[in-house]
Amino acid sequence: MSQNPEHDEAPRLMLTVPEAARRLSIGRSYVYQLMLLGELETVLLGRLRRVPADCLVEYVERLRREQNPDPDEPVGE
């Protein structure tokens, strides 16, 4: 068993804005910009704004699809 209790915890489902920024390797203010533009989904828990961890994965996957479109897919239909 690990002596560090932090390693025994399940992965966090909700992240603060600074935590989301660290995970994406971008600045905190850019995360806020993405939130305002509706590019990154967030939720309110009372007065707290949190970023669901799976929304970070969805955001990165969407960026990859937009920047590397499937060559077999018809464009502009």
PDB file of N, CA and C in Angstrom:
ATOM      1  N   MET A   1       0.843  -1.192   0.000  1.00  0.00           N
ATOM      2  CA  MET A   1       0.000   0.000   0.000  1.00  0.00           C
ATOM      3  C   MET A   1       0.877   1.241   0.000  1.00  0.00           C
ATOM      4  N   SER A   2       0.493   2.237  -0.739  1.00  0.00           N
ATOM      5  CA  SER A   2       1.243   3.470  -0.861  1.00  0.00           C
ATOM      6  C   SER A   2       1.196   4.260   0.439  1.00  0.00           C
ATOM      7  N   GLN A   3       2.307   4.891   0.774  1.00  0.00           N
ATOM      8  CA  GLN A   3       2.339   5.703   1.992  1.00  0.00           C
ATOM      9  C   GLN A   3       1.822   7.111   1.751  1.00  0.00           C
ATOM     10  N   ASN A   4       1.687   7.487   0.500  1.00  0.00           N
ATOM     11  CA  ASN A   4       1.179   8.811   0.163  1.00  0.00           C
ATOM     12  C   ASN A   4      -0.314   8.692  -0.133  1.00  0.00           C
ATOM     13  N   PRO A   5      -1.182   9.232   0.778  1.00  0.00           N
ATOM     14  CA  PRO A   5      -2.621   9.088   0.563  1.00  0.00           C
ATOM     15  C   PRO A   5      -3.123   9.753  -0.712  1.00  0.00           C
ATOM     16  N   GLU A   6      -2.390  10.716  -1.236  1.00  0.00           N
ATOM     17  CA  GLU A   6      -2.803  11.389  -2.469  1.00  0.00           C
ATOM     18  C   GLU A   6      -2.827  10.420  -3.648  1.00  0.00           C
ATOM     19  N   HIS A   7      -1.934   9.425  -3.642  1.00  0.00           N
ATOM     20  CA  HIS A   7      -1.880   8.446  -4.723  1.00  0.00           C
ATOM     21  C   HIS A   7      -2.972   7.391  -4.605  1.00  0.00           C
ATOM     22  N   ASP A   8      -3.597   7.279  -3.440  1.00  0.00           N
ATOM     23  CA  ASP A   8      -4.650   6.293  -3.226  1.00  0.00           C
ATOM     24  C   ASP A   8      -6.019   6.804  -3.651  1.00  0.00           C
ATOM     25  N   GLU A   9      -6.139   8.083  -3.934  1.00  0.00           N
ATOM     26  CA  GLU A   9      -7.418   8.668  -4.313  1.00  0.00           C
ATOM     27  C   GLU A   9      -7.755   8.366  -5.771  1.00  0.00           C
ATOM     28  N   ALA A  10      -9.048   8.321  -6.050  1.00  0.00           N
ATOM     29  CA  ALA A  10      -9.505   8.198  -7.432  1.00  0.00           C
ATOM     30  C   ALA A  10      -9.233   9.517  -8.155  1.00  0.00           C
ATOM     31  N   PRO A  11      -9.090   9.496  -9.483  1.00  0.00           N
ATOM     32  CA  PRO A  11      -8.882  10.743 -10.222  1.00  0.00           C
ATOM     33  C   PRO A  11     -10.037  11.715  -9.978  1.00  0.00           C
ATOM     34  N   ARG A  12      -9.712  12.986  -9.890  1.00  0.00           N
ATOM     35  CA  ARG A  12     -10.728  13.998  -9.625  1.00  0.00           C
ATOM     36  C   ARG A  12     -11.590  14.201 -10.854  1.00  0.00           C
ATOM     37  N   LEU A  13     -12.891  14.305 -10.631  1.00  0.00           N
ATOM     38  CA  LEU A  13     -13.850  14.492 -11.721  1.00  0.00           C
ATOM     39  C   LEU A  13     -14.041  15.958 -12.066  1.00  0.00           C
ATOM     40  N   MET A  14     -13.859  16.838 -11.089  1.00  0.00           N
ATOM     41  CA  MET A  14     -14.062  18.275 -11.282  1.00  0.00           C
ATOM     42  C   MET A  14     -12.770  19.005 -10.933  1.00  0.00           C
ATOM     43  N   LEU A  15     -12.399  19.933 -11.787  1.00  0.00           N
ATOM     44  CA  LEU A  15     -11.153  20.670 -11.604  1.00  0.00           C
ATOM     45  C   LEU A  15     -11.422  22.155 -11.452  1.00  0.00           C
ATOM     46  N   THR A  16     -10.567  22.818 -10.708  1.00  0.00           N
ATOM     47  CA  THR A  16     -10.620  24.279 -10.657  1.00  0.00           C
ATOM     48  C   THR A  16     -10.042  24.805 -11.975  1.00  0.00           C
ATOM     49  N   VAL A  17     -10.227  26.070 -12.237  1.00  0.00           N
ATOM     50  CA  VAL A  17      -9.686  26.668 -13.462  1.00  0.00           C
ATOM     51  C   VAL A  17      -8.161  26.558 -13.491  1.00  0.00           C
ATOM     52  N   PRO A  18      -7.444  26.871 -12.396  1.00  0.00           N
ATOM     53  CA  PRO A  18      -5.984  26.696 -12.448  1.00  0.00           C
ATOM     54  C   PRO A  18      -5.559  25.246 -12.682  1.00  0.00           C
ATOM     55  N   GLU A  19      -6.287  24.281 -12.125  1.00  0.00           N
ATOM     56  CA  GLU A  19      -5.969  22.873 -12.362  1.00  0.00           C
ATOM     57  C   GLU A  19      -6.197  22.501 -13.822  1.00  0.00           C
ATOM     58  N   ALA A  20      -7.289  22.980 -14.393  1.00  0.00           N
ATOM     59  CA  ALA A  20      -7.569  22.719 -15.809  1.00  0.00           C
ATOM     60  C   ALA A  20      -6.483  23.332 -16.684  1.00  0.00           C
ATOM     61  N   ALA A  21      -6.048  24.530 -16.339  1.00  0.00           N
ATOM     62  CA  ALA A  21      -4.985  25.189 -17.102  1.00  0.00           C
ATOM     63  C   ALA A  21      -3.702  24.376 -17.051  1.00  0.00           C
ATOM     64  N   ARG A  22      -3.352  23.867 -15.882  1.00  0.00           N
ATOM     65  CA  ARG A  22      -2.142  23.046 -15.763  1.00  0.00           C
ATOM     66  C   ARG A  22      -2.265  21.772 -16.593  1.00  0.00           C
ATOM     67  N   ARG A  23      -3.431  21.146 -16.568  1.00  0.00           N
ATOM     68  CA  ARG A  23      -3.623  19.909 -17.343  1.00  0.00           C
ATOM     69  C   ARG A  23      -3.505  20.163 -18.837  1.00  0.00           C
ATOM     70  N   LEU A  24      -3.973  21.325 -19.297  1.00  0.00           N
ATOM     71  CA  LEU A  24      -3.913  21.662 -20.719  1.00  0.00           C
ATOM     72  C   LEU A  24      -2.596  22.332 -21.111  1.00  0.00           C
ATOM     73  N   SER A  25      -1.786  22.644 -20.116  1.00  0.00           N
ATOM     74  CA  SER A  25      -0.506  23.349 -20.343  1.00  0.00           C
ATOM     75  C   SER A  25      -0.727  24.703 -21.002  1.00  0.00           C
ATOM     76  N   ILE A  26      -1.744  25.418 -20.517  1.00  0.00           N
ATOM     77  CA  ILE A  26      -2.037  26.773 -20.997  1.00  0.00           C
ATOM     78  C   ILE A  26      -2.223  27.669 -19.780  1.00  0.00           C
ATOM     79  N   GLY A  27      -2.324  28.948 -20.017  1.00  0.00           N
ATOM     80  CA  GLY A  27      -2.511  29.899 -18.931  1.00  0.00           C
ATOM     81  C   GLY A  27      -3.943  29.920 -18.407  1.00  0.00           C
ATOM     82  N   ARG A  28      -4.068  30.327 -17.168  1.00  0.00           N
ATOM     83  CA  ARG A  28      -5.375  30.422 -16.524  1.00  0.00           C
ATOM     84  C   ARG A  28      -6.287  31.394 -17.262  1.00  0.00           C
ATOM     85  N   SER A  29      -5.751  32.526 -17.697  1.00  0.00           N
ATOM     86  CA  SER A  29      -6.582  33.512 -18.389  1.00  0.00           C
ATOM     87  C   SER A  29      -7.083  32.971 -19.726  1.00  0.00           C
ATOM     88  N   TYR A  30      -6.290  32.108 -20.372  1.00  0.00           N
ATOM     89  CA  TYR A  30      -6.752  31.498 -21.629  1.00  0.00           C
ATOM     90  C   TYR A  30      -7.890  30.515 -21.366  1.00  0.00           C
ATOM     91  N   VAL A  31      -7.848  29.813 -20.238  1.00  0.00           N
ATOM     92  CA  VAL A  31      -8.956  28.921 -19.870  1.00  0.00           C
ATOM     93  C   VAL A  31     -10.223  29.752 -19.693  1.00  0.00           C
ATOM     94  N   TYR A  32     -10.112  30.894 -19.015  1.00  0.00           N
ATOM     95  CA  TYR A  32     -11.284  31.762 -18.850  1.00  0.00           C
ATOM     96  C   TYR A  32     -11.806  32.237 -20.208  1.00  0.00           C
ATOM     97  N   GLN A  33     -10.902  32.538 -21.123  1.00  0.00           N
ATOM     98  CA  GLN A  33     -11.308  32.956 -22.464  1.00  0.00           C
ATOM     99  C   GLN A  33     -12.059  31.824 -23.171  1.00  0.00           C
ATOM    100  N   LEU A  34     -11.553  30.606 -23.067  1.00  0.00           N
ATOM    101  CA  LEU A  34     -12.228  29.456 -23.676  1.00  0.00           C
ATOM    102  C   LEU A  34     -13.611  29.256 -23.072  1.00  0.00           C
ATOM    103  N   MET A  35     -13.725  29.494 -21.769  1.00  0.00           N
ATOM    104  CA  MET A  35     -15.014  29.371 -21.098  1.00  0.00           C
ATOM    105  C   MET A  35     -15.995  30.415 -21.631  1.00  0.00           C
ATOM    106  N   LEU A  36     -15.535  31.658 -21.753  1.00  0.00           N
ATOM    107  CA  LEU A  36     -16.407  32.735 -22.237  1.00  0.00           C
ATOM    108  C   LEU A  36     -16.859  32.501 -23.671  1.00  0.00           C
ATOM    109  N   LEU A  37     -15.993  31.912 -24.478  1.00  0.00           N
ATOM    110  CA  LEU A  37     -16.315  31.633 -25.875  1.00  0.00           C
ATOM    111  C   LEU A  37     -17.174  30.376 -26.034  1.00  0.00           C
ATOM    112  N   GLY A  38     -17.377  29.637 -24.945  1.00  0.00           N
ATOM    113  CA  GLY A  38     -18.151  28.403 -25.010  1.00  0.00           C
ATOM    114  C   GLY A  38     -17.366  27.236 -25.574  1.00  0.00           C
ATOM    115  N   GLU A  39     -16.056  27.383 -25.658  1.00  0.00           N
ATOM    116  CA  GLU A  39     -15.205  26.318 -26.194  1.00  0.00           C
ATOM    117  C   GLU A  39     -14.923  25.235 -25.158  1.00  0.00           C
ATOM    118  N   LEU A  40     -14.971  25.611 -23.887  1.00  0.00           N
ATOM    119  CA  LEU A  40     -14.682  24.681 -22.799  1.00  0.00           C
ATOM    120  C   LEU A  40     -15.861  24.690 -21.842  1.00  0.00           C
ATOM    121  N   GLU A  41     -16.471  23.537 -21.676  1.00  0.00           N
ATOM    122  CA  GLU A  41     -17.661  23.428 -20.825  1.00  0.00           C
ATOM    123  C   GLU A  41     -17.271  23.490 -19.353  1.00  0.00           C
ATOM    124  N   THR A  42     -18.071  24.213 -18.582  1.00  0.00           N
ATOM    125  CA  THR A  42     -17.891  24.291 -17.137  1.00  0.00           C
ATOM    126  C   THR A  42     -19.247  24.135 -16.467  1.00  0.00           C
ATOM    127  N   VAL A  43     -19.211  23.917 -15.160  1.00  0.00           N
ATOM    128  CA  VAL A  43     -20.443  23.812 -14.386  1.00  0.00           C
ATOM    129  C   VAL A  43     -20.308  24.668 -13.130  1.00  0.00           C
ATOM    130  N   LEU A  44     -21.454  25.094 -12.616  1.00  0.00           N
ATOM    131  CA  LEU A  44     -21.486  25.818 -11.351  1.00  0.00           C
ATOM    132  C   LEU A  44     -21.909  24.872 -10.246  1.00  0.00           C
ATOM    133  N   LEU A  45     -21.162  24.888  -9.169  1.00  0.00           N
ATOM    134  CA  LEU A  45     -21.522  24.156  -7.960  1.00  0.00           C
ATOM    135  C   LEU A  45     -21.702  25.210  -6.873  1.00  0.00           C
ATOM    136  N   GLY A  46     -22.944  25.642  -6.697  1.00  0.00           N
ATOM    137  CA  GLY A  46     -23.166  26.786  -5.818  1.00  0.00           C
ATOM    138  C   GLY A  46     -22.551  28.008  -6.469  1.00  0.00           C
ATOM    139  N   ARG A  47     -21.563  28.598  -5.809  1.00  0.00           N
ATOM    140  CA  ARG A  47     -20.859  29.756  -6.378  1.00  0.00           C
ATOM    141  C   ARG A  47     -19.521  29.371  -7.004  1.00  0.00           C
ATOM    142  N   LEU A  48     -19.206  28.094  -7.012  1.00  0.00           N
ATOM    143  CA  LEU A  48     -17.916  27.627  -7.520  1.00  0.00           C
ATOM    144  C   LEU A  48     -18.022  27.205  -8.975  1.00  0.00           C
ATOM    145  N   ARG A  49     -17.100  27.668  -9.789  1.00  0.00           N
ATOM    146  CA  ARG A  49     -17.027  27.284 -11.197  1.00  0.00           C
ATOM    147  C   ARG A  49     -16.017  26.151 -11.305  1.00  0.00           C
ATOM    148  N   ARG A  50     -16.425  25.029 -11.903  1.00  0.00           N
ATOM    149  CA  ARG A  50     -15.541  23.883 -12.058  1.00  0.00           C
ATOM    150  C   ARG A  50     -15.568  23.388 -13.493  1.00  0.00           C
ATOM    151  N   VAL A  51     -14.465  22.754 -13.890  1.00  0.00           N
ATOM    152  CA  VAL A  51     -14.339  22.178 -15.220  1.00  0.00           C
ATOM    153  C   VAL A  51     -14.363  20.658 -15.062  1.00  0.00           C
ATOM    154  N   PRO A  52     -15.384  19.987 -15.596  1.00  0.00           N
ATOM    155  CA  PRO A  52     -15.378  18.521 -15.546  1.00  0.00           C
ATOM    156  C   PRO A  52     -14.161  17.986 -16.304  1.00  0.00           C
ATOM    157  N   ALA A  53     -13.469  17.031 -15.713  1.00  0.00           N
ATOM    158  CA  ALA A  53     -12.238  16.506 -16.308  1.00  0.00           C
ATOM    159  C   ALA A  53     -12.478  15.953 -17.712  1.00  0.00           C
ATOM    160  N   ASP A  54     -13.617  15.308 -17.925  1.00  0.00           N
ATOM    161  CA  ASP A  54     -13.869  14.748 -19.256  1.00  0.00           C
ATOM    162  C   ASP A  54     -14.073  15.834 -20.304  1.00  0.00           C
ATOM    163  N   CYS A  55     -14.437  17.043 -19.891  1.00  0.00           N
ATOM    164  CA  CYS A  55     -14.584  18.155 -20.845  1.00  0.00           C
ATOM    165  C   CYS A  55     -13.232  18.592 -21.395  1.00  0.00           C
ATOM    166  N   LEU A  56     -12.160  18.396 -20.616  1.00  0.00           N
ATOM    167  CA  LEU A  56     -10.818  18.699 -21.127  1.00  0.00           C
ATOM    168  C   LEU A  56     -10.472  17.747 -22.269  1.00  0.00           C
ATOM    169  N   VAL A  57     -10.803  16.472 -22.081  1.00  0.00           N
ATOM    170  CA  VAL A  57     -10.538  15.470 -23.118  1.00  0.00           C
ATOM    171  C   VAL A  57     -11.361  15.791 -24.364  1.00  0.00           C
ATOM    172  N   GLU A  58     -12.638  16.138 -24.184  1.00  0.00           N
ATOM    173  CA  GLU A  58     -13.492  16.490 -25.327  1.00  0.00           C
ATOM    174  C   GLU A  58     -12.947  17.702 -26.074  1.00  0.00           C
ATOM    175  N   TYR A  59     -12.470  18.697 -25.335  1.00  0.00           N
ATOM    176  CA  TYR A  59     -11.919  19.902 -25.951  1.00  0.00           C
ATOM    177  C   TYR A  59     -10.697  19.554 -26.822  1.00  0.00           C
ATOM    178  N   VAL A  60      -9.787  18.760 -26.274  1.00  0.00           N
ATOM    179  CA  VAL A  60      -8.580  18.385 -27.012  1.00  0.00           C
ATOM    180  C   VAL A  60      -8.939  17.534 -28.234  1.00  0.00           C
ATOM    181  N   GLU A  61      -9.878  16.614 -28.075  1.00  0.00           N
ATOM    182  CA  GLU A  61     -10.302  15.796 -29.217  1.00  0.00           C
ATOM    183  C   GLU A  61     -10.925  16.653 -30.306  1.00  0.00           C
ATOM    184  N   ARG A  62     -11.722  17.655 -29.931  1.00  0.00           N
ATOM    185  CA  ARG A  62     -12.329  18.553 -30.910  1.00  0.00           C
ATOM    186  C   ARG A  62     -11.259  19.353 -31.644  1.00  0.00           C
ATOM    187  N   LEU A  63     -10.254  19.839 -30.912  1.00  0.00           N
ATOM    188  CA  LEU A  63      -9.149  20.561 -31.555  1.00  0.00           C
ATOM    189  C   LEU A  63      -8.445  19.672 -32.578  1.00  0.00           C
ATOM    190  N   ARG A  64      -8.213  18.440 -32.200  1.00  0.00           N
ATOM    191  CA  ARG A  64      -7.525  17.521 -33.107  1.00  0.00           C
ATOM    192  C   ARG A  64      -8.346  17.255 -34.354  1.00  0.00           C
ATOM    193  N   ARG A  65      -9.656  17.075 -34.193  1.00  0.00           N
ATOM    194  CA  ARG A  65     -10.530  16.840 -35.363  1.00  0.00           C
ATOM    195  C   ARG A  65     -10.535  18.061 -36.283  1.00  0.00           C
ATOM    196  N   GLU A  66     -10.597  19.258 -35.698  1.00  0.00           N
ATOM    197  CA  GLU A  66     -10.645  20.477 -36.505  1.00  0.00           C
ATOM    198  C   GLU A  66      -9.339  20.698 -37.249  1.00  0.00           C
ATOM    199  N   GLN A  67      -8.228  20.347 -36.627  1.00  0.00           N
ATOM    200  CA  GLN A  67      -6.926  20.604 -37.236  1.00  0.00           C
ATOM    201  C   GLN A  67      -6.448  19.466 -38.128  1.00  0.00           C
ATOM    202  N   ASN A  68      -7.034  18.290 -37.964  1.00  0.00           N
ATOM    203  CA  ASN A  68      -6.651  17.125 -38.756  1.00  0.00           C
ATOM    204  C   ASN A  68      -7.901  16.430 -39.250  1.00  0.00           C
ATOM    205  N   PRO A  69      -8.634  17.038 -40.178  1.00  0.00           N
ATOM    206  CA  PRO A  69      -9.874  16.433 -40.641  1.00  0.00           C
ATOM    207  C   PRO A  69      -9.648  15.097 -41.326  1.00  0.00           C
ATOM    208  N   ASP A  70     -10.654  14.248 -41.258  1.00  0.00           N
ATOM    209  CA  ASP A  70     -10.614  12.935 -41.905  1.00  0.00           C
ATOM    210  C   ASP A  70     -10.616  13.137 -43.411  1.00  0.00           C
ATOM    211  N   PRO A  71      -9.597  12.637 -44.129  1.00  0.00           N
ATOM    212  CA  PRO A  71      -9.536  12.864 -45.581  1.00  0.00           C
ATOM    213  C   PRO A  71     -10.645  12.148 -46.348  1.00  0.00           C
ATOM    214  N   ASP A  72     -11.262  11.126 -45.751  1.00  0.00           N
ATOM    215  CA  ASP A  72     -12.326  10.380 -46.426  1.00  0.00           C
ATOM    216  C   ASP A  72     -13.690  11.047 -46.283  1.00  0.00           C
ATOM    217  N   GLU A  73     -13.789  12.038 -45.391  1.00  0.00           N
ATOM    218  CA  GLU A  73     -15.063  12.689 -45.137  1.00  0.00           C
ATOM    219  C   GLU A  73     -15.283  13.831 -46.136  1.00  0.00           C
ATOM    220  N   PRO A  74     -16.472  13.921 -46.756  1.00  0.00           N
ATOM    221  CA  PRO A  74     -16.731  15.014 -47.695  1.00  0.00           C
ATOM    222  C   PRO A  74     -16.754  16.362 -46.983  1.00  0.00           C
ATOM    223  N   VAL A  75     -16.235  17.364 -47.644  1.00  0.00           N
ATOM    224  CA  VAL A  75     -16.148  18.707 -47.045  1.00  0.00           C
ATOM    225  C   VAL A  75     -17.242  19.582 -47.636  1.00  0.00           C
ATOM    226  N   GLY A  76     -17.915  20.365 -46.771  1.00  0.00           N
ATOM    227  CA  GLY A  76     -18.853  21.382 -47.217  1.00  0.00           C
ATOM    228  C   GLY A  76     -20.179  20.864 -47.733  1.00  0.00           C
ATOM    229  N   GLU A  77     -20.654  19.754 -47.255  1.00  0.00           N
ATOM    230  CA  GLU A  77     -21.959  19.245 -47.739  1.00  0.00           C
ATOM    231  C   GLU A  77     -23.057  19.641 -46.806  1.00  0.00           C
TER     232      GLU A  77
END
